[in-house]
Amino acid sequence: MASEYLNSAKKQFEYYKSVGEKTFDQLDEADLFWQYNEASNSIAVIVNHLWGNMLSRWTDFLISDGEKVWRERDLEFENVIRSKAELLEKWNYGWACLFKALNSINEDNFNTKVYIRNQEHTITDAINRQLAHYAYHIGQIVYIGRMIKNENWQSLTIPKGQSKTFNKQKFSKGKHGGHFSDDLK
């Protein structure tokens, strides 16, 4: 059961990572720094926050609190990323930290209690917490990308007005295995 859950969680994290990357691919470098207004975050700021959160939560995942003393959360919401290359470097570094931690979990340590801000979590709860958090922010990244690209946006899931066509294609294949996120690719 633990390995099934971990494989499912990894697939979900991989899916959301790919959604973010497909958004980046559609945008010009300047678009990554666009803000709707001064109170809103740019994609670069969101990526910086995800990076900081990932490093804090997943470094020494099984042995130290997920809110590291060295984390500077408030600085994650500042305009510190200066280029697309830097954005992608932080993005990939954060995800690598996450996947390294997930790969360290096995049947022997799956029942370890972990802490986030001194609050005890099961591994399942800690993973679910972060999965929801990252999906939330990646949704923001996609929404900003859609606003910027407007009519030039290439849908990342089922294009608007194409649900019937999509479903007809899916149901014509008969029942099959897979993961629900596969349906949205």
N, C-alpha and C. Protein backbone atom coordinates (compact mmCIF):
# COMPACT_ATOMS: atom_id res chain seq x y z
N MET A 1 0.82 -1.20 0.00
CA MET A 1 0.00 0.00 0.00
C MET A 1 0.87 1.27 0.00
N ALA A 2 1.93 1.28 0.82
CA ALA A 2 2.80 2.45 0.88
C ALA A 2 3.44 2.72 -0.47
N SER A 3 3.92 1.68 -1.14
CA SER A 3 4.58 1.89 -2.43
C SER A 3 3.58 2.34 -3.49
N GLU A 4 2.35 1.84 -3.42
CA GLU A 4 1.31 2.27 -4.35
C GLU A 4 1.02 3.76 -4.17
N TYR A 5 0.87 4.16 -2.91
CA TYR A 5 0.60 5.57 -2.61
C TYR A 5 1.76 6.44 -3.09
N LEU A 6 2.99 6.04 -2.78
CA LEU A 6 4.16 6.83 -3.17
C LEU A 6 4.26 6.97 -4.69
N ASN A 7 4.01 5.88 -5.41
CA ASN A 7 4.04 5.94 -6.87
C ASN A 7 2.97 6.89 -7.39
N SER A 8 1.79 6.84 -6.80
CA SER A 8 0.71 7.74 -7.20
C SER A 8 1.10 9.20 -6.93
N ALA A 9 1.64 9.46 -5.75
CA ALA A 9 2.04 10.82 -5.39
C ALA A 9 3.12 11.32 -6.34
N LYS A 10 4.10 10.49 -6.65
CA LYS A 10 5.16 10.89 -7.57
C LYS A 10 4.58 11.25 -8.94
N LYS A 11 3.64 10.45 -9.42
CA LYS A 11 3.02 10.74 -10.72
C LYS A 11 2.30 12.08 -10.68
N GLN A 12 1.62 12.36 -9.57
CA GLN A 12 0.92 13.64 -9.46
C GLN A 12 1.90 14.80 -9.42
N PHE A 13 2.96 14.67 -8.64
CA PHE A 13 3.97 15.74 -8.62
C PHE A 13 4.58 15.92 -10.01
N GLU A 14 4.90 14.83 -10.70
CA GLU A 14 5.45 14.92 -12.05
C GLU A 14 4.48 15.62 -13.00
N TYR A 15 3.20 15.29 -12.86
CA TYR A 15 2.18 15.93 -13.70
C TYR A 15 2.17 17.44 -13.48
N TYR A 16 2.10 17.87 -12.22
CA TYR A 16 2.03 19.31 -11.96
C TYR A 16 3.32 20.01 -12.36
N LYS A 17 4.45 19.36 -12.20
CA LYS A 17 5.71 19.92 -12.68
C LYS A 17 5.64 20.14 -14.19
N SER A 18 5.12 19.15 -14.91
CA SER A 18 5.03 19.28 -16.37
C SER A 18 4.06 20.38 -16.79
N VAL A 19 2.99 20.57 -16.03
CA VAL A 19 2.04 21.65 -16.34
C VAL A 19 2.72 23.01 -16.21
N GLY A 20 3.51 23.18 -15.15
CA GLY A 20 4.25 24.42 -15.01
C GLY A 20 5.22 24.63 -16.16
N GLU A 21 5.92 23.58 -16.54
CA GLU A 21 6.91 23.68 -17.62
C GLU A 21 6.25 23.95 -18.97
N LYS A 22 5.09 23.36 -19.21
CA LYS A 22 4.37 23.64 -20.46
C LYS A 22 3.90 25.09 -20.50
N THR A 23 3.64 25.65 -19.34
CA THR A 23 3.29 27.07 -19.29
C THR A 23 4.52 27.92 -19.58
N PHE A 24 5.64 27.61 -18.93
CA PHE A 24 6.87 28.37 -19.20
C PHE A 24 7.21 28.36 -20.68
N ASP A 25 7.02 27.20 -21.32
CA ASP A 25 7.37 27.05 -22.74
C ASP A 25 6.59 28.00 -23.65
N GLN A 26 5.41 28.40 -23.22
CA GLN A 26 4.57 29.29 -24.05
C GLN A 26 4.87 30.77 -23.84
N LEU A 27 5.69 31.07 -22.86
CA LEU A 27 5.89 32.46 -22.47
C LEU A 27 7.26 32.99 -22.85
N ASP A 28 7.29 34.28 -23.14
CA ASP A 28 8.55 34.98 -23.34
C ASP A 28 9.16 35.26 -21.97
N GLU A 29 10.44 35.52 -21.95
CA GLU A 29 11.12 35.77 -20.68
C GLU A 29 10.44 36.90 -19.89
N ALA A 30 10.11 37.99 -20.54
CA ALA A 30 9.49 39.12 -19.84
C ALA A 30 8.16 38.73 -19.21
N ASP A 31 7.45 37.79 -19.82
CA ASP A 31 6.16 37.35 -19.30
C ASP A 31 6.29 36.74 -17.90
N LEU A 32 7.41 36.13 -17.62
CA LEU A 32 7.62 35.47 -16.32
C LEU A 32 7.68 36.47 -15.17
N PHE A 33 7.86 37.75 -15.50
CA PHE A 33 8.00 38.79 -14.48
C PHE A 33 6.81 39.74 -14.46
N TRP A 34 5.80 39.48 -15.30
CA TRP A 34 4.61 40.32 -15.37
C TRP A 34 3.77 40.16 -14.11
N GLN A 35 3.26 41.28 -13.60
CA GLN A 35 2.35 41.27 -12.45
C GLN A 35 1.09 42.02 -12.84
N TYR A 36 -0.05 41.47 -12.46
CA TYR A 36 -1.33 42.13 -12.72
C TYR A 36 -1.37 43.49 -12.04
N ASN A 37 -0.90 43.53 -10.81
CA ASN A 37 -0.77 44.78 -10.06
C ASN A 37 0.32 44.58 -9.02
N GLU A 38 0.61 45.61 -8.26
CA GLU A 38 1.71 45.54 -7.31
C GLU A 38 1.46 44.54 -6.18
N ALA A 39 0.20 44.26 -5.88
CA ALA A 39 -0.13 43.33 -4.79
C ALA A 39 -0.10 41.87 -5.24
N SER A 40 0.00 41.63 -6.54
CA SER A 40 -0.03 40.25 -7.03
C SER A 40 1.39 39.76 -7.33
N ASN A 41 1.50 38.46 -7.43
CA ASN A 41 2.80 37.83 -7.68
C ASN A 41 3.00 37.54 -9.16
N SER A 42 4.21 37.68 -9.60
CA SER A 42 4.58 37.24 -10.95
C SER A 42 4.84 35.74 -10.90
N ILE A 43 4.95 35.13 -12.07
CA ILE A 43 5.32 33.71 -12.14
C ILE A 43 6.68 33.51 -11.48
N ALA A 44 7.60 34.42 -11.69
CA ALA A 44 8.94 34.29 -11.09
C ALA A 44 8.87 34.29 -9.57
N VAL A 45 8.03 35.12 -9.00
CA VAL A 45 7.88 35.16 -7.55
C VAL A 45 7.27 33.85 -7.05
N ILE A 46 6.27 33.34 -7.76
CA ILE A 46 5.65 32.07 -7.36
C ILE A 46 6.67 30.95 -7.42
N VAL A 47 7.47 30.92 -8.47
CA VAL A 47 8.52 29.89 -8.57
C VAL A 47 9.52 30.03 -7.44
N ASN A 48 9.89 31.24 -7.10
CA ASN A 48 10.83 31.45 -6.00
C ASN A 48 10.24 30.94 -4.68
N HIS A 49 8.96 31.17 -4.47
CA HIS A 49 8.30 30.66 -3.27
C HIS A 49 8.25 29.13 -3.28
N LEU A 50 7.89 28.54 -4.41
CA LEU A 50 7.86 27.07 -4.50
C LEU A 50 9.24 26.50 -4.20
N TRP A 51 10.27 27.09 -4.77
CA TRP A 51 11.65 26.65 -4.54
C TRP A 51 11.98 26.69 -3.05
N GLY A 52 11.70 27.81 -2.40
CA GLY A 52 12.00 27.94 -0.98
C GLY A 52 11.23 26.94 -0.14
N ASN A 53 9.96 26.76 -0.48
CA ASN A 53 9.13 25.80 0.25
C ASN A 53 9.64 24.39 0.05
N MET A 54 9.96 24.04 -1.19
CA MET A 54 10.44 22.68 -1.47
C MET A 54 11.74 22.38 -0.72
N LEU A 55 12.66 23.32 -0.75
CA LEU A 55 13.92 23.08 -0.04
C LEU A 55 13.69 22.91 1.45
N SER A 56 12.81 23.73 2.01
CA SER A 56 12.54 23.65 3.43
C SER A 56 11.82 22.36 3.80
N ARG A 57 10.80 22.02 3.05
CA ARG A 57 9.99 20.85 3.40
C ARG A 57 10.69 19.53 3.15
N TRP A 58 11.48 19.44 2.08
CA TRP A 58 11.99 18.14 1.64
C TRP A 58 13.44 17.86 2.00
N THR A 59 14.21 18.87 2.39
CA THR A 59 15.58 18.63 2.85
C THR A 59 15.51 17.90 4.19
N ASP A 60 16.22 16.78 4.30
CA ASP A 60 16.19 15.98 5.53
C ASP A 60 14.76 15.69 5.98
N PHE A 61 13.92 15.33 5.03
CA PHE A 61 12.48 15.16 5.22
C PHE A 61 12.14 14.28 6.43
N LEU A 62 12.81 13.17 6.57
CA LEU A 62 12.46 12.21 7.62
C LEU A 62 13.07 12.54 8.99
N ILE A 63 13.99 13.52 9.04
CA ILE A 63 14.71 13.71 10.30
C ILE A 63 14.68 15.14 10.86
N SER A 64 14.16 16.10 10.10
CA SER A 64 14.11 17.46 10.65
C SER A 64 12.79 18.13 10.29
N ASP A 65 12.44 19.12 11.07
CA ASP A 65 11.19 19.84 10.84
C ASP A 65 11.20 20.44 9.43
N GLY A 66 10.06 20.40 8.78
CA GLY A 66 9.92 20.92 7.42
C GLY A 66 10.00 22.43 7.31
N GLU A 67 9.94 23.12 8.41
CA GLU A 67 10.13 24.57 8.39
C GLU A 67 11.53 24.82 8.94
N LYS A 68 12.49 24.89 8.04
CA LYS A 68 13.90 25.00 8.43
C LYS A 68 14.20 26.38 9.01
N VAL A 69 15.12 26.40 9.96
CA VAL A 69 15.50 27.68 10.58
C VAL A 69 16.18 28.60 9.57
N TRP A 70 16.78 28.04 8.53
CA TRP A 70 17.47 28.85 7.53
C TRP A 70 16.54 29.40 6.45
N ARG A 71 15.29 28.97 6.46
CA ARG A 71 14.35 29.45 5.43
C ARG A 71 14.03 30.93 5.65
N GLU A 72 14.00 31.67 4.56
CA GLU A 72 13.65 33.09 4.58
C GLU A 72 12.37 33.28 3.77
N ARG A 73 11.24 32.80 4.31
CA ARG A 73 9.98 32.76 3.58
C ARG A 73 9.57 34.12 3.03
N ASP A 74 9.69 35.17 3.83
CA ASP A 74 9.28 36.50 3.36
C ASP A 74 10.05 36.94 2.12
N LEU A 75 11.32 36.54 2.02
CA LEU A 75 12.12 36.89 0.84
C LEU A 75 11.69 36.11 -0.41
N GLU A 76 10.97 35.01 -0.21
CA GLU A 76 10.49 34.23 -1.35
C GLU A 76 9.49 35.03 -2.18
N PHE A 77 8.89 36.06 -1.59
CA PHE A 77 7.88 36.86 -2.28
C PHE A 77 8.43 38.18 -2.77
N GLU A 78 9.73 38.24 -2.89
CA GLU A 78 10.40 39.41 -3.46
C GLU A 78 10.85 39.09 -4.88
N ASN A 79 11.05 40.13 -5.67
CA ASN A 79 11.50 39.96 -7.05
C ASN A 79 13.00 39.73 -7.08
N VAL A 80 13.43 38.51 -6.78
CA VAL A 80 14.86 38.22 -6.73
C VAL A 80 15.35 37.44 -7.95
N ILE A 81 14.48 36.74 -8.62
CA ILE A 81 14.88 36.02 -9.82
C ILE A 81 15.02 37.03 -10.95
N ARG A 82 16.11 36.94 -11.71
CA ARG A 82 16.40 37.96 -12.73
C ARG A 82 16.34 37.46 -14.17
N SER A 83 16.23 36.15 -14.38
CA SER A 83 16.22 35.64 -15.75
C SER A 83 15.44 34.34 -15.81
N LYS A 84 15.08 33.95 -17.02
CA LYS A 84 14.39 32.67 -17.21
C LYS A 84 15.32 31.52 -16.82
N ALA A 85 16.60 31.66 -17.13
CA ALA A 85 17.56 30.61 -16.77
C ALA A 85 17.61 30.42 -15.26
N GLU A 86 17.63 31.51 -14.51
CA GLU A 86 17.64 31.42 -13.05
C GLU A 86 16.33 30.82 -12.54
N LEU A 87 15.22 31.21 -13.14
CA LEU A 87 13.92 30.66 -12.76
C LEU A 87 13.90 29.15 -12.95
N LEU A 88 14.36 28.69 -14.11
CA LEU A 88 14.36 27.25 -14.40
C LEU A 88 15.34 26.50 -13.49
N GLU A 89 16.45 27.14 -13.15
CA GLU A 89 17.42 26.51 -12.24
C GLU A 89 16.79 26.28 -10.87
N LYS A 90 16.12 27.30 -10.34
CA LYS A 90 15.46 27.15 -9.04
C LYS A 90 14.31 26.14 -9.12
N TRP A 91 13.53 26.22 -10.17
CA TRP A 91 12.43 25.28 -10.39
C TRP A 91 12.93 23.84 -10.35
N ASN A 92 13.94 23.56 -11.13
CA ASN A 92 14.46 22.19 -11.21
C ASN A 92 15.15 21.75 -9.91
N TYR A 93 15.82 22.65 -9.25
CA TYR A 93 16.50 22.33 -8.00
C TYR A 93 15.48 21.97 -6.92
N GLY A 94 14.41 22.73 -6.84
CA GLY A 94 13.35 22.44 -5.87
C GLY A 94 12.71 21.09 -6.12
N TRP A 95 12.38 20.82 -7.38
CA TRP A 95 11.76 19.53 -7.71
C TRP A 95 12.73 18.37 -7.47
N ALA A 96 14.00 18.56 -7.75
CA ALA A 96 14.98 17.50 -7.49
C ALA A 96 15.04 17.18 -6.00
N CYS A 97 14.97 18.20 -5.16
CA CYS A 97 14.97 18.00 -3.72
C CYS A 97 13.74 17.19 -3.30
N LEU A 98 12.59 17.54 -3.85
CA LEU A 98 11.35 16.82 -3.56
C LEU A 98 11.45 15.36 -3.96
N PHE A 99 11.84 15.09 -5.19
CA PHE A 99 11.89 13.71 -5.68
C PHE A 99 12.95 12.88 -4.95
N LYS A 100 14.05 13.50 -4.56
CA LYS A 100 15.06 12.80 -3.78
C LYS A 100 14.47 12.35 -2.44
N ALA A 101 13.71 13.24 -1.81
CA ALA A 101 13.08 12.89 -0.53
C ALA A 101 12.04 11.79 -0.72
N LEU A 102 11.21 11.91 -1.75
CA LEU A 102 10.20 10.87 -1.99
C LEU A 102 10.85 9.52 -2.25
N ASN A 103 11.96 9.54 -2.96
CA ASN A 103 12.66 8.28 -3.26
C ASN A 103 13.34 7.67 -2.04
N SER A 104 13.48 8.46 -0.97
CA SER A 104 14.09 7.93 0.25
C SER A 104 13.06 7.22 1.14
N ILE A 105 11.80 7.35 0.80
CA ILE A 105 10.74 6.73 1.61
C ILE A 105 10.52 5.30 1.12
N ASN A 106 10.40 4.38 2.08
CA ASN A 106 10.17 2.98 1.73
C ASN A 106 9.28 2.34 2.79
N GLU A 107 9.02 1.06 2.63
CA GLU A 107 8.15 0.33 3.56
C GLU A 107 8.69 0.40 5.00
N ASP A 108 10.00 0.43 5.16
CA ASP A 108 10.60 0.43 6.49
C ASP A 108 10.43 1.76 7.23
N ASN A 109 10.40 2.87 6.50
CA ASN A 109 10.30 4.16 7.18
C ASN A 109 8.98 4.89 6.92
N PHE A 110 8.06 4.24 6.24
CA PHE A 110 6.81 4.89 5.84
C PHE A 110 5.98 5.36 7.04
N ASN A 111 6.11 4.71 8.17
CA ASN A 111 5.32 5.09 9.35
C ASN A 111 6.02 6.10 10.25
N THR A 112 7.13 6.64 9.77
CA THR A 112 7.84 7.69 10.51
C THR A 112 6.95 8.93 10.60
N LYS A 113 6.94 9.54 11.73
CA LYS A 113 6.22 10.82 11.88
C LYS A 113 7.17 11.94 11.49
N VAL A 114 6.65 12.88 10.73
CA VAL A 114 7.44 14.04 10.32
C VAL A 114 6.76 15.28 10.87
N TYR A 115 7.53 16.35 10.94
CA TYR A 115 7.01 17.58 11.52
C TYR A 115 7.12 18.73 10.53
N ILE A 116 6.10 19.56 10.53
CA ILE A 116 6.10 20.81 9.77
C ILE A 116 5.64 21.88 10.74
N ARG A 117 6.51 22.84 11.00
CA ARG A 117 6.25 23.90 11.99
C ARG A 117 5.84 23.30 13.34
N ASN A 118 6.56 22.26 13.71
CA ASN A 118 6.41 21.59 15.00
C ASN A 118 5.09 20.83 15.13
N GLN A 119 4.38 20.64 14.03
CA GLN A 119 3.13 19.87 14.03
C GLN A 119 3.39 18.51 13.42
N GLU A 120 3.01 17.46 14.14
CA GLU A 120 3.24 16.10 13.67
C GLU A 120 2.34 15.76 12.48
N HIS A 121 2.94 15.08 11.50
CA HIS A 121 2.23 14.61 10.30
C HIS A 121 2.64 13.17 10.03
N THR A 122 1.69 12.41 9.49
CA THR A 122 2.10 11.15 8.87
C THR A 122 2.78 11.52 7.56
N ILE A 123 3.52 10.61 7.01
CA ILE A 123 4.14 10.87 5.71
C ILE A 123 3.07 11.16 4.67
N THR A 124 1.98 10.40 4.71
CA THR A 124 0.88 10.62 3.77
C THR A 124 0.34 12.04 3.91
N ASP A 125 0.09 12.49 5.14
CA ASP A 125 -0.43 13.84 5.35
C ASP A 125 0.55 14.91 4.88
N ALA A 126 1.83 14.70 5.14
CA ALA A 126 2.84 15.69 4.72
C ALA A 126 2.91 15.77 3.20
N ILE A 127 2.87 14.63 2.54
CA ILE A 127 2.90 14.61 1.08
C ILE A 127 1.64 15.27 0.52
N ASN A 128 0.48 14.88 1.06
CA ASN A 128 -0.78 15.47 0.57
C ASN A 128 -0.81 16.98 0.76
N ARG A 129 -0.29 17.43 1.89
CA ARG A 129 -0.23 18.87 2.17
C ARG A 129 0.56 19.59 1.08
N GLN A 130 1.72 19.05 0.74
CA GLN A 130 2.57 19.70 -0.25
C GLN A 130 2.00 19.55 -1.67
N LEU A 131 1.42 18.41 -1.96
CA LEU A 131 0.81 18.21 -3.28
C LEU A 131 -0.28 19.25 -3.52
N ALA A 132 -1.13 19.46 -2.53
CA ALA A 132 -2.19 20.47 -2.66
C ALA A 132 -1.60 21.87 -2.79
N HIS A 133 -0.58 22.16 -1.99
CA HIS A 133 0.06 23.48 -2.02
C HIS A 133 0.67 23.76 -3.39
N TYR A 134 1.39 22.79 -3.93
CA TYR A 134 2.05 23.00 -5.21
C TYR A 134 1.04 23.09 -6.35
N ALA A 135 -0.01 22.27 -6.31
CA ALA A 135 -1.05 22.34 -7.35
C ALA A 135 -1.71 23.71 -7.33
N TYR A 136 -1.94 24.24 -6.15
CA TYR A 136 -2.53 25.58 -6.00
C TYR A 136 -1.68 26.63 -6.70
N HIS A 137 -0.38 26.62 -6.43
CA HIS A 137 0.50 27.63 -7.02
C HIS A 137 0.72 27.39 -8.51
N ILE A 138 0.77 26.16 -8.93
CA ILE A 138 0.94 25.89 -10.36
C ILE A 138 -0.32 26.32 -11.11
N GLY A 139 -1.47 26.17 -10.49
CA GLY A 139 -2.70 26.72 -11.07
C GLY A 139 -2.60 28.23 -11.26
N GLN A 140 -1.99 28.91 -10.30
CA GLN A 140 -1.79 30.35 -10.45
C GLN A 140 -0.86 30.65 -11.62
N ILE A 141 0.19 29.88 -11.76
CA ILE A 141 1.14 30.06 -12.86
C ILE A 141 0.41 29.90 -14.19
N VAL A 142 -0.40 28.88 -14.31
CA VAL A 142 -1.15 28.63 -15.54
C VAL A 142 -2.11 29.79 -15.81
N TYR A 143 -2.80 30.22 -14.79
CA TYR A 143 -3.78 31.31 -14.97
C TYR A 143 -3.10 32.60 -15.44
N ILE A 144 -1.96 32.91 -14.85
CA ILE A 144 -1.21 34.09 -15.29
C ILE A 144 -0.78 33.91 -16.75
N GLY A 145 -0.28 32.72 -17.08
CA GLY A 145 0.12 32.44 -18.46
C GLY A 145 -1.04 32.62 -19.43
N ARG A 146 -2.21 32.13 -19.07
CA ARG A 146 -3.40 32.29 -19.93
C ARG A 146 -3.76 33.75 -20.11
N MET A 147 -3.68 34.53 -19.03
CA MET A 147 -3.99 35.96 -19.15
C MET A 147 -3.01 36.65 -20.10
N ILE A 148 -1.74 36.31 -19.98
CA ILE A 148 -0.72 36.95 -20.81
C ILE A 148 -0.90 36.56 -22.27
N LYS A 149 -1.08 35.30 -22.54
CA LYS A 149 -1.14 34.82 -23.93
C LYS A 149 -2.50 35.06 -24.59
N ASN A 150 -3.54 35.19 -23.78
CA ASN A 150 -4.88 35.47 -24.28
C ASN A 150 -5.27 34.49 -25.38
N GLU A 151 -5.60 34.95 -26.56
CA GLU A 151 -6.07 34.04 -27.63
C GLU A 151 -4.95 33.17 -28.20
N ASN A 152 -3.72 33.45 -27.86
CA ASN A 152 -2.59 32.64 -28.32
C ASN A 152 -2.23 31.51 -27.36
N TRP A 153 -2.99 31.37 -26.27
CA TRP A 153 -2.75 30.32 -25.29
C TRP A 153 -3.07 28.96 -25.90
N GLN A 154 -2.16 28.02 -25.71
CA GLN A 154 -2.37 26.64 -26.14
C GLN A 154 -2.79 25.84 -24.91
N SER A 155 -4.00 25.30 -24.95
CA SER A 155 -4.55 24.60 -23.80
C SER A 155 -3.64 23.46 -23.35
N LEU A 156 -3.53 23.30 -22.04
CA LEU A 156 -2.70 22.24 -21.46
C LEU A 156 -3.53 21.01 -21.12
N THR A 157 -4.84 21.17 -21.15
CA THR A 157 -5.73 20.05 -20.84
C THR A 157 -6.73 19.92 -21.98
N ILE A 158 -7.98 19.70 -21.69
CA ILE A 158 -9.00 19.60 -22.73
C ILE A 158 -9.35 21.02 -23.17
N PRO A 159 -9.15 21.35 -24.45
CA PRO A 159 -9.44 22.71 -24.91
C PRO A 159 -10.92 23.07 -24.71
N LYS A 160 -11.15 24.31 -24.46
CA LYS A 160 -12.51 24.83 -24.27
C LYS A 160 -13.39 24.42 -25.46
N GLY A 161 -14.54 23.88 -25.15
CA GLY A 161 -15.48 23.47 -26.19
C GLY A 161 -15.17 22.12 -26.83
N GLN A 162 -14.17 21.41 -26.31
CA GLN A 162 -13.75 20.15 -26.93
C GLN A 162 -14.00 18.92 -26.04
N SER A 163 -14.81 19.07 -24.98
CA SER A 163 -15.03 17.97 -24.05
C SER A 163 -15.67 16.76 -24.72
N LYS A 164 -16.68 16.98 -25.56
CA LYS A 164 -17.36 15.86 -26.21
C LYS A 164 -16.42 15.10 -27.13
N THR A 165 -15.65 15.81 -27.90
CA THR A 165 -14.69 15.19 -28.81
C THR A 165 -13.65 14.40 -28.01
N PHE A 166 -13.16 15.00 -26.95
CA PHE A 166 -12.16 14.34 -26.11
C PHE A 166 -12.74 13.06 -25.51
N ASN A 167 -13.94 13.16 -24.94
CA ASN A 167 -14.56 11.99 -24.31
C ASN A 167 -14.86 10.90 -25.34
N LYS A 168 -15.29 11.28 -26.53
CA LYS A 168 -15.57 10.30 -27.58
C LYS A 168 -14.30 9.51 -27.89
N GLN A 169 -13.19 10.21 -28.00
CA GLN A 169 -11.91 9.55 -28.27
C GLN A 169 -11.53 8.62 -27.12
N LYS A 170 -11.66 9.08 -25.88
CA LYS A 170 -11.29 8.27 -24.72
C LYS A 170 -12.16 7.03 -24.60
N PHE A 171 -13.45 7.17 -24.80
CA PHE A 171 -14.36 6.03 -24.65
C PHE A 171 -14.29 5.07 -25.82
N SER A 172 -13.76 5.51 -26.96
CA SER A 172 -13.62 4.61 -28.11
C SER A 172 -12.52 3.58 -27.90
N LYS A 173 -11.64 3.82 -26.94
CA LYS A 173 -10.50 2.94 -26.69
C LYS A 173 -10.83 1.81 -25.72
N GLY A 174 -11.98 1.85 -25.09
CA GLY A 174 -12.30 0.85 -24.08
C GLY A 174 -11.60 1.18 -22.78
N LYS A 175 -11.88 0.38 -21.78
CA LYS A 175 -11.29 0.61 -20.46
C LYS A 175 -9.79 0.33 -20.52
N HIS A 176 -9.05 1.13 -19.77
CA HIS A 176 -7.60 0.95 -19.75
C HIS A 176 -7.06 1.40 -18.40
N GLY A 177 -5.87 0.96 -18.08
CA GLY A 177 -5.19 1.38 -16.87
C GLY A 177 -4.63 2.77 -17.05
N GLY A 178 -4.01 3.25 -16.07
CA GLY A 178 -3.40 4.57 -16.17
C GLY A 178 -3.71 5.38 -14.95
N HIS A 179 -3.42 6.64 -15.04
CA HIS A 179 -3.59 7.55 -13.94
C HIS A 179 -4.51 8.66 -14.39
N PHE A 180 -5.34 9.19 -13.50
CA PHE A 180 -6.32 10.17 -13.93
C PHE A 180 -5.70 11.38 -14.60
N SER A 181 -4.50 11.77 -14.19
CA SER A 181 -3.88 12.94 -14.81
C SER A 181 -3.50 12.66 -16.27
N ASP A 182 -3.40 11.37 -16.65
CA ASP A 182 -3.12 11.05 -18.04
C ASP A 182 -4.24 11.55 -18.96
N ASP A 183 -5.44 11.64 -18.42
CA ASP A 183 -6.57 12.10 -19.21
C ASP A 183 -6.48 13.56 -19.57
N LEU A 184 -5.69 14.31 -18.85
CA LEU A 184 -5.63 15.75 -19.07
C LEU A 184 -4.44 16.17 -19.90
N LYS A 185 -3.65 15.24 -20.34
CA LYS A 185 -2.47 15.59 -21.12
C LYS A 185 -2.82 15.73 -22.57
